[in-house]
Amino acid sequence: MFVKSILIPRFSSYTIDQEASIQSALETLEKHLIDGLPVLDGDHYVGLITRYTIYETFFTAGKSKEEYLQNTKVKDIATHKEKYLKGNEIFEKTLLNLKDFPLLAVLDEKQKFLGIVTRFDVLAQFQSAFGMNKPGVRIALTSSEIEGRLAKLAEIAHQFHEHIISIVTFDETDKLVRRIVMKVEKKNNIKKFIQKLEDSGFRILKVDED
């Protein structure tokens, strides 16, 4: 999945003009209960402003609270001017970029602002990938790294008419063992299904129901 699939487009994003005051930015952040705003000069992206940036900058500004809020413009403290996305990135990789920041802007090849991607939306995609939004049985297992093991897993699930909610694999660089986390719908034959997995060479590490 690419970043553009979880893009919040410009017409649905809250933004602020570069000439606006810090007071105006804070009011917008409070009104919409958000943590950050893209700063724009028309269609041109100038940077991002967040609550944290506002508070941090105030303590080093050497100004009174009123002077700082009224006379400082958002363009003066905007950050992440050179850190943005293009929309064609794989969304998994954006989590590292968003680890310490609530959102990133998405720009086209001419630096025109297209929208934003938020940490919340990226994490929601990970929740979906792990099947966290649906009840079921999560099975953690390992398998020898040989060709056809995932196909065998799917075949066994098909034999038992198991509906796979999600399946995620780890240790892609390990040549010997691969860990797999699979979530299936809870059925009365789940114990027989797990036993079949073990009989087929899969090592069951843990079984959780949620």
Protein backbone atom coordinates (compact mmCIF):
# COMPACT_ATOMS: atom_id res chain seq x y z
CA MET A 1 0.00 0.00 0.00
CA PHE A 2 1.25 3.45 -0.89
CA VAL A 3 1.10 6.68 1.08
CA LYS A 4 -1.33 8.18 -1.42
CA SER A 5 -3.94 5.61 -0.36
CA ILE A 6 -4.10 7.13 3.15
CA LEU A 7 -3.60 10.73 2.04
CA ILE A 8 -5.91 13.32 3.56
CA PRO A 9 -6.34 15.65 0.55
CA ARG A 10 -5.91 19.39 0.78
CA PHE A 11 -9.63 20.14 0.69
CA SER A 12 -10.07 17.97 3.80
CA SER A 13 -6.93 19.21 5.60
CA TYR A 14 -6.67 22.06 8.06
CA THR A 15 -3.93 24.47 6.97
CA ILE A 16 -2.74 27.94 7.90
CA ASP A 17 -1.33 30.85 5.90
CA GLN A 18 2.32 31.66 6.52
CA GLU A 19 1.50 35.23 7.55
CA ALA A 20 -0.89 34.16 10.31
CA SER A 21 0.06 34.75 13.94
CA ILE A 22 0.94 32.09 16.47
CA GLN A 23 -2.26 33.06 18.29
CA SER A 24 -4.27 32.19 15.19
CA ALA A 25 -2.45 28.88 14.83
CA LEU A 26 -3.16 27.92 18.44
CA GLU A 27 -6.83 28.80 18.05
CA THR A 28 -7.06 26.58 14.95
CA LEU A 29 -5.31 23.72 16.70
CA GLU A 30 -7.63 24.01 19.69
CA LYS A 31 -10.78 24.40 17.62
CA HIS A 32 -10.18 21.23 15.62
CA LEU A 33 -8.40 19.26 18.38
CA ILE A 34 -5.37 18.55 16.21
CA ASP A 35 -1.63 18.57 16.89
CA GLY A 36 -0.20 20.17 13.76
CA LEU A 37 -0.88 22.33 10.72
CA PRO A 38 0.77 22.64 7.29
CA VAL A 39 1.92 26.22 6.67
CA LEU A 40 1.21 27.48 3.16
CA ASP A 41 2.05 30.39 0.90
CA GLY A 42 -0.82 30.01 -1.55
CA ASP A 43 -0.29 26.50 -2.95
CA HIS A 44 3.36 26.47 -1.92
CA TYR A 45 4.39 24.47 1.12
CA VAL A 46 6.36 26.41 3.73
CA GLY A 47 6.57 23.90 6.59
CA LEU A 48 4.66 22.53 9.57
CA ILE A 49 3.70 24.03 12.90
CA THR A 50 2.74 22.02 15.98
CA ARG A 51 1.77 22.70 19.56
CA TYR A 52 5.15 21.43 20.68
CA THR A 53 6.98 23.79 18.31
CA ILE A 54 4.92 26.73 19.56
CA TYR A 55 5.63 25.99 23.23
CA GLU A 56 9.30 25.19 22.65
CA THR A 57 9.92 28.33 20.62
CA PHE A 58 8.18 30.55 23.16
CA PHE A 59 10.65 29.61 25.90
CA THR A 60 13.60 30.69 23.76
CA ALA A 61 11.97 33.74 22.14
CA GLY A 62 12.69 36.19 24.97
CA LYS A 63 9.29 37.81 24.49
CA SER A 64 6.23 38.23 26.63
CA LYS A 65 3.44 35.74 26.04
CA GLU A 66 1.20 38.36 24.43
CA GLU A 67 3.94 39.72 22.18
CA TYR A 68 4.97 36.23 21.11
CA LEU A 69 1.42 35.10 20.31
CA GLN A 70 0.39 38.27 18.49
CA ASN A 71 3.56 39.35 16.67
CA THR A 72 5.29 36.08 15.75
CA LYS A 73 4.21 34.65 12.42
CA VAL A 74 3.86 30.93 11.83
CA LYS A 75 6.38 31.04 8.97
CA ASP A 76 9.02 32.17 11.47
CA ILE A 77 8.88 28.94 13.44
CA ALA A 78 7.68 26.45 10.81
CA THR A 79 9.68 23.21 10.72
CA HIS A 80 10.03 20.25 8.35
CA LYS A 81 10.45 22.49 5.32
CA GLU A 82 12.63 19.87 3.64
CA LYS A 83 10.99 16.79 5.12
CA TYR A 84 7.86 15.74 3.26
CA LEU A 85 6.37 12.87 1.26
CA LYS A 86 5.67 12.46 -2.45
CA GLY A 87 2.80 9.97 -2.19
CA ASN A 88 4.52 7.05 -3.89
CA GLU A 89 6.25 5.82 -0.72
CA ILE A 90 5.24 2.49 0.81
CA PHE A 91 3.20 3.40 3.87
CA GLU A 92 5.10 1.01 6.17
CA LYS A 93 8.22 3.14 5.78
CA THR A 94 6.41 6.31 6.76
CA LEU A 95 6.00 5.08 10.33
CA LEU A 96 9.69 5.77 10.98
CA ASN A 97 9.32 9.28 9.56
CA LEU A 98 6.30 9.87 11.79
CA LYS A 99 7.79 8.33 14.91
CA ASP A 100 8.44 11.70 16.52
CA PHE A 101 6.02 13.87 14.57
CA PRO A 102 2.21 13.76 14.21
CA LEU A 103 1.95 14.45 10.47
CA LEU A 104 3.85 15.04 7.25
CA ALA A 105 2.91 17.00 4.15
CA VAL A 106 2.56 15.37 0.72
CA LEU A 107 3.82 17.48 -2.21
CA ASP A 108 3.88 17.07 -5.97
CA GLU A 109 6.96 17.47 -8.17
CA LYS A 110 6.51 21.25 -8.16
CA GLN A 111 6.32 21.42 -4.37
CA LYS A 112 2.59 22.08 -4.51
CA PHE A 113 0.78 21.01 -1.36
CA LEU A 114 -1.47 17.99 -1.98
CA GLY A 115 -2.45 17.00 1.56
CA ILE A 116 -1.15 15.27 4.66
CA VAL A 117 -0.47 11.85 6.10
CA THR A 118 -0.89 11.50 9.86
CA ARG A 119 0.70 9.11 12.30
CA PHE A 120 -2.80 8.12 13.45
CA ASP A 121 -3.80 6.95 9.97
CA VAL A 122 -0.56 5.01 9.45
CA LEU A 123 -1.02 3.22 12.76
CA ALA A 124 -4.64 2.47 11.82
CA GLN A 125 -3.37 0.69 8.71
CA PHE A 126 -1.05 -1.42 10.84
CA GLN A 127 -3.96 -2.29 13.11
CA SER A 128 -5.92 -3.41 10.07
CA ALA A 129 -2.97 -5.46 8.75
CA PHE A 130 -2.79 -7.32 12.06
CA GLY A 131 -6.55 -7.83 12.13
CA MET A 132 -6.93 -5.89 15.36
CA ASN A 133 -10.31 -4.51 14.36
CA LYS A 134 -12.01 -7.90 14.14
CA PRO A 135 -12.46 -10.56 16.84
CA GLY A 136 -10.82 -13.91 16.26
CA VAL A 137 -8.01 -16.26 17.23
CA ARG A 138 -4.41 -15.12 16.76
CA ILE A 139 -1.90 -17.91 16.20
CA ALA A 140 1.83 -17.23 16.43
CA LEU A 141 3.93 -19.94 14.80
CA THR A 142 7.25 -20.62 13.19
CA SER A 143 8.14 -22.52 10.06
CA SER A 144 11.32 -23.61 8.37
CA GLU A 145 12.21 -21.22 5.56
CA ILE A 146 11.49 -23.45 2.59
CA GLU A 147 9.56 -22.76 -0.56
CA GLY A 148 5.82 -23.28 -0.39
CA ARG A 149 5.28 -23.00 3.38
CA LEU A 150 2.83 -20.09 3.13
CA ALA A 151 0.98 -21.92 0.38
CA LYS A 152 0.80 -24.97 2.67
CA LEU A 153 -0.56 -22.81 5.46
CA ALA A 154 -3.25 -21.44 3.18
CA GLU A 155 -4.08 -24.94 1.97
CA ILE A 156 -4.64 -26.19 5.52
CA ALA A 157 -6.80 -23.18 6.31
CA HIS A 158 -8.86 -23.94 3.19
CA GLN A 159 -9.28 -27.59 4.24
CA PHE A 160 -10.71 -26.49 7.57
CA HIS A 161 -12.79 -23.71 5.99
CA GLU A 162 -10.95 -21.17 8.11
CA HIS A 163 -11.41 -17.52 7.22
CA ILE A 164 -8.02 -15.79 7.51
CA ILE A 165 -8.48 -12.28 8.87
CA SER A 166 -4.80 -11.36 8.63
CA ILE A 167 -1.41 -12.93 8.15
CA VAL A 168 1.95 -11.26 8.80
CA THR A 169 5.42 -12.75 8.48
CA PHE A 170 8.71 -11.73 10.10
CA ASP A 171 12.43 -12.53 9.81
CA GLU A 172 12.61 -12.05 6.07
CA THR A 173 16.41 -12.05 6.25
CA ASP A 174 16.61 -15.26 8.26
CA LYS A 175 17.37 -18.22 6.00
CA LEU A 176 16.32 -20.86 8.52
CA VAL A 177 13.15 -19.92 10.36
CA ARG A 178 10.29 -17.54 9.66
CA ARG A 179 7.83 -16.36 12.27
CA ILE A 180 4.21 -16.03 11.21
CA VAL A 181 1.27 -14.41 12.99
CA MET A 182 -2.08 -15.46 11.58
CA LYS A 183 -5.51 -14.42 12.76
CA VAL A 184 -8.56 -16.50 11.89
CA GLU A 185 -12.22 -16.40 12.80
CA LYS A 186 -13.06 -18.44 15.87
CA LYS A 187 -14.74 -21.76 15.03
CA ASN A 188 -15.47 -24.95 16.90
CA ASN A 189 -12.75 -26.82 15.00
CA ILE A 190 -9.93 -24.43 15.99
CA LYS A 191 -8.16 -27.09 18.11
CA LYS A 192 -8.17 -29.55 15.21
CA PHE A 193 -6.92 -26.82 12.90
CA ILE A 194 -4.02 -26.04 15.22
CA GLN A 195 -3.21 -29.74 15.58
CA LYS A 196 -3.10 -30.06 11.79
CA LEU A 197 -0.66 -27.16 11.63
CA GLU A 198 1.61 -28.89 14.11
CA ASP A 199 1.36 -32.20 12.27
CA SER A 200 2.38 -30.37 9.09
CA GLY A 201 5.60 -29.07 10.60
CA PHE A 202 4.53 -25.69 11.94
CA ARG A 203 5.62 -24.96 15.49
CA ILE A 204 2.88 -23.20 17.48
CA LEU A 205 4.28 -20.53 19.80
CA LYS A 206 1.15 -18.97 21.20
CA VAL A 207 -2.61 -18.89 20.68
CA ASP A 208 -4.68 -15.89 21.82
CA GLU A 209 -8.36 -15.13 21.46
CA ASP A 210 -9.63 -11.57 21.21
